């Protein structure tokens, strides 16, 4: 049922889905760890151009001029140093 007053749709039935398409949808859903319904909704939104970008995937660089920016080598060195320091010595915790 499509609700134009409530602005959102509760349910839509799609008839005539070929078996190959249904199997492909199931396969994609399994691979992505999502429901078939979720995969179909993403496909519809993408094809209509209304899929919203997730905020946490955005890359912000507006403060780089103020604080600087690490290149990949600098990040690896710093990350390796932090990882080494995070090692827990089991002898100290006995």
C-alpha atoms as a PDB file:
ATOM      1  CA  UNK A   1       0.000   0.000   0.000  1.00  0.00           C
ATOM      2  CA  UNK A   2       1.410   3.368  -0.970  1.00  0.00           C
ATOM      3  CA  UNK A   3       0.683   6.285   1.319  1.00  0.00           C
ATOM      4  CA  UNK A   4       1.100   9.721  -0.191  1.00  0.00           C
ATOM      5  CA  UNK A   5      -0.321  11.462   2.872  1.00  0.00           C
ATOM      6  CA  UNK A   6       2.130   9.802   5.250  1.00  0.00           C
ATOM      7  CA  UNK A   7       5.023  10.467   2.825  1.00  0.00           C
ATOM      8  CA  UNK A   8       6.375   6.948   3.292  1.00  0.00           C
ATOM      9  CA  UNK A   9       5.399   3.624   1.778  1.00  0.00           C
ATOM     10  CA  UNK A  10       4.467   0.664   3.907  1.00  0.00           C
ATOM     11  CA  UNK A  11       4.601  -2.135   1.323  1.00  0.00           C
ATOM     12  CA  UNK A  12       4.897  -2.658  -2.416  1.00  0.00           C
ATOM     13  CA  UNK A  13       4.362  -5.959  -4.200  1.00  0.00           C
ATOM     14  CA  UNK A  14       6.437  -6.670  -7.293  1.00  0.00           C
ATOM     15  CA  UNK A  15       4.992  -9.289  -9.607  1.00  0.00           C
ATOM     16  CA  UNK A  16       6.703 -11.164 -12.394  1.00  0.00           C
ATOM     17  CA  UNK A  17      10.162 -11.460 -10.851  1.00  0.00           C
ATOM     18  CA  UNK A  18      12.051 -14.052 -12.873  1.00  0.00           C
ATOM     19  CA  UNK A  19      13.682 -16.919 -10.932  1.00  0.00           C
ATOM     20  CA  UNK A  20      17.176 -15.844 -12.061  1.00  0.00           C
ATOM     21  CA  UNK A  21      16.589 -12.342 -10.723  1.00  0.00           C
ATOM     22  CA  UNK A  22      15.212 -13.672  -7.432  1.00  0.00           C
ATOM     23  CA  UNK A  23      18.234 -15.961  -6.992  1.00  0.00           C
ATOM     24  CA  UNK A  24      20.644 -13.142  -7.805  1.00  0.00           C
ATOM     25  CA  UNK A  25      18.929 -10.916  -5.229  1.00  0.00           C
ATOM     26  CA  UNK A  26      19.224 -13.652  -2.605  1.00  0.00           C
ATOM     27  CA  UNK A  27      22.894 -14.187  -3.449  1.00  0.00           C
ATOM     28  CA  UNK A  28      23.726 -10.477  -3.222  1.00  0.00           C
ATOM     29  CA  UNK A  29      21.830 -10.189   0.060  1.00  0.00           C
ATOM     30  CA  UNK A  30      23.753 -13.143   1.521  1.00  0.00           C
ATOM     31  CA  UNK A  31      27.109 -11.739   0.363  1.00  0.00           C
ATOM     32  CA  UNK A  32      26.364  -8.332   1.885  1.00  0.00           C
ATOM     33  CA  UNK A  33      24.799  -9.738   5.045  1.00  0.00           C
ATOM     34  CA  UNK A  34      21.552  -7.887   4.364  1.00  0.00           C
ATOM     35  CA  UNK A  35      17.944  -8.842   3.791  1.00  0.00           C
ATOM     36  CA  UNK A  36      16.613  -9.130   0.249  1.00  0.00           C
ATOM     37  CA  UNK A  37      14.231  -6.281   1.083  1.00  0.00           C
ATOM     38  CA  UNK A  38      17.152  -4.045   2.088  1.00  0.00           C
ATOM     39  CA  UNK A  39      19.063  -4.855  -1.120  1.00  0.00           C
ATOM     40  CA  UNK A  40      15.996  -4.090  -3.254  1.00  0.00           C
ATOM     41  CA  UNK A  41      15.409  -0.779  -1.456  1.00  0.00           C
ATOM     42  CA  UNK A  42      19.047   0.225  -2.042  1.00  0.00           C
ATOM     43  CA  UNK A  43      18.779  -0.688  -5.730  1.00  0.00           C
ATOM     44  CA  UNK A  44      15.584   1.335  -6.136  1.00  0.00           C
ATOM     45  CA  UNK A  45      17.018   4.373  -4.337  1.00  0.00           C
ATOM     46  CA  UNK A  46      20.232   4.220  -6.365  1.00  0.00           C
ATOM     47  CA  UNK A  47      18.420   3.907  -9.684  1.00  0.00           C
ATOM     48  CA  UNK A  48      16.139   6.831  -8.808  1.00  0.00           C
ATOM     49  CA  UNK A  49      19.049   8.950  -7.615  1.00  0.00           C
ATOM     50  CA  UNK A  50      17.676   9.389  -4.119  1.00  0.00           C
ATOM     51  CA  UNK A  51      20.154   7.272  -2.160  1.00  0.00           C
ATOM     52  CA  UNK A  52      21.644   9.394   0.609  1.00  0.00           C
ATOM     53  CA  UNK A  53      25.345   9.242   1.352  1.00  0.00           C
ATOM     54  CA  UNK A  54      26.102   7.984   4.837  1.00  0.00           C
ATOM     55  CA  UNK A  55      27.583  10.771   6.924  1.00  0.00           C
ATOM     56  CA  UNK A  56      30.253   8.670   8.594  1.00  0.00           C
ATOM     57  CA  UNK A  57      31.750   7.759   5.208  1.00  0.00           C
ATOM     58  CA  UNK A  58      32.416  11.374   4.274  1.00  0.00           C
ATOM     59  CA  UNK A  59      35.991  12.553   4.269  1.00  0.00           C
ATOM     60  CA  UNK A  60      36.481  15.954   5.828  1.00  0.00           C
ATOM     61  CA  UNK A  61      39.512  18.079   5.050  1.00  0.00           C
ATOM     62  CA  UNK A  62      38.299  21.548   5.924  1.00  0.00           C
ATOM     63  CA  UNK A  63      40.689  21.899   8.898  1.00  0.00           C
ATOM     64  CA  UNK A  64      43.793  20.545   7.163  1.00  0.00           C
ATOM     65  CA  UNK A  65      45.198  24.037   6.656  1.00  0.00           C
ATOM     66  CA  UNK A  66      44.945  24.657  10.380  1.00  0.00           C
ATOM     67  CA  UNK A  67      46.170  21.348  11.779  1.00  0.00           C
ATOM     68  CA  UNK A  68      48.050  19.728   8.906  1.00  0.00           C
ATOM     69  CA  UNK A  69      47.618  16.316   7.425  1.00  0.00           C
ATOM     70  CA  UNK A  70      49.496  13.009   7.653  1.00  0.00           C
ATOM     71  CA  UNK A  71      50.502  11.252   4.490  1.00  0.00           C
ATOM     72  CA  UNK A  72      50.252   7.434   4.329  1.00  0.00           C
ATOM     73  CA  UNK A  73      53.849   6.878   5.521  1.00  0.00           C
ATOM     74  CA  UNK A  74      53.425   9.187   8.521  1.00  0.00           C
ATOM     75  CA  UNK A  75      50.161   7.511   9.452  1.00  0.00           C
ATOM     76  CA  UNK A  76      51.744   4.040   9.252  1.00  0.00           C
ATOM     77  CA  UNK A  77      54.668   5.075  11.495  1.00  0.00           C
ATOM     78  CA  UNK A  78      52.384   6.650  14.092  1.00  0.00           C
ATOM     79  CA  UNK A  79      49.881   3.805  13.977  1.00  0.00           C
ATOM     80  CA  UNK A  80      52.650   1.197  14.347  1.00  0.00           C
ATOM     81  CA  UNK A  81      54.072   3.055  17.351  1.00  0.00           C
ATOM     82  CA  UNK A  82      50.658   3.235  19.016  1.00  0.00           C
ATOM     83  CA  UNK A  83      49.967  -0.441  18.297  1.00  0.00           C
ATOM     84  CA  UNK A  84      53.294  -1.414  19.873  1.00  0.00           C
ATOM     85  CA  UNK A  85      52.516   0.648  22.982  1.00  0.00           C
ATOM     86  CA  UNK A  86      49.089  -0.962  23.339  1.00  0.00           C
ATOM     87  CA  UNK A  87      50.557  -4.423  23.878  1.00  0.00           C
ATOM     88  CA  UNK A  88      49.561  -5.849  27.267  1.00  0.00           C
ATOM     89  CA  UNK A  89      52.244  -7.585  29.299  1.00  0.00           C
ATOM     90  CA  UNK A  90      50.473 -10.554  30.932  1.00  0.00           C
ATOM     91  CA  UNK A  91      53.156 -10.739  33.654  1.00  0.00           C
ATOM     92  CA  UNK A  92      52.192  -7.284  34.915  1.00  0.00           C
ATOM     93  CA  UNK A  93      48.552  -8.347  35.343  1.00  0.00           C
ATOM     94  CA  UNK A  94      49.074 -11.443  37.482  1.00  0.00           C
END
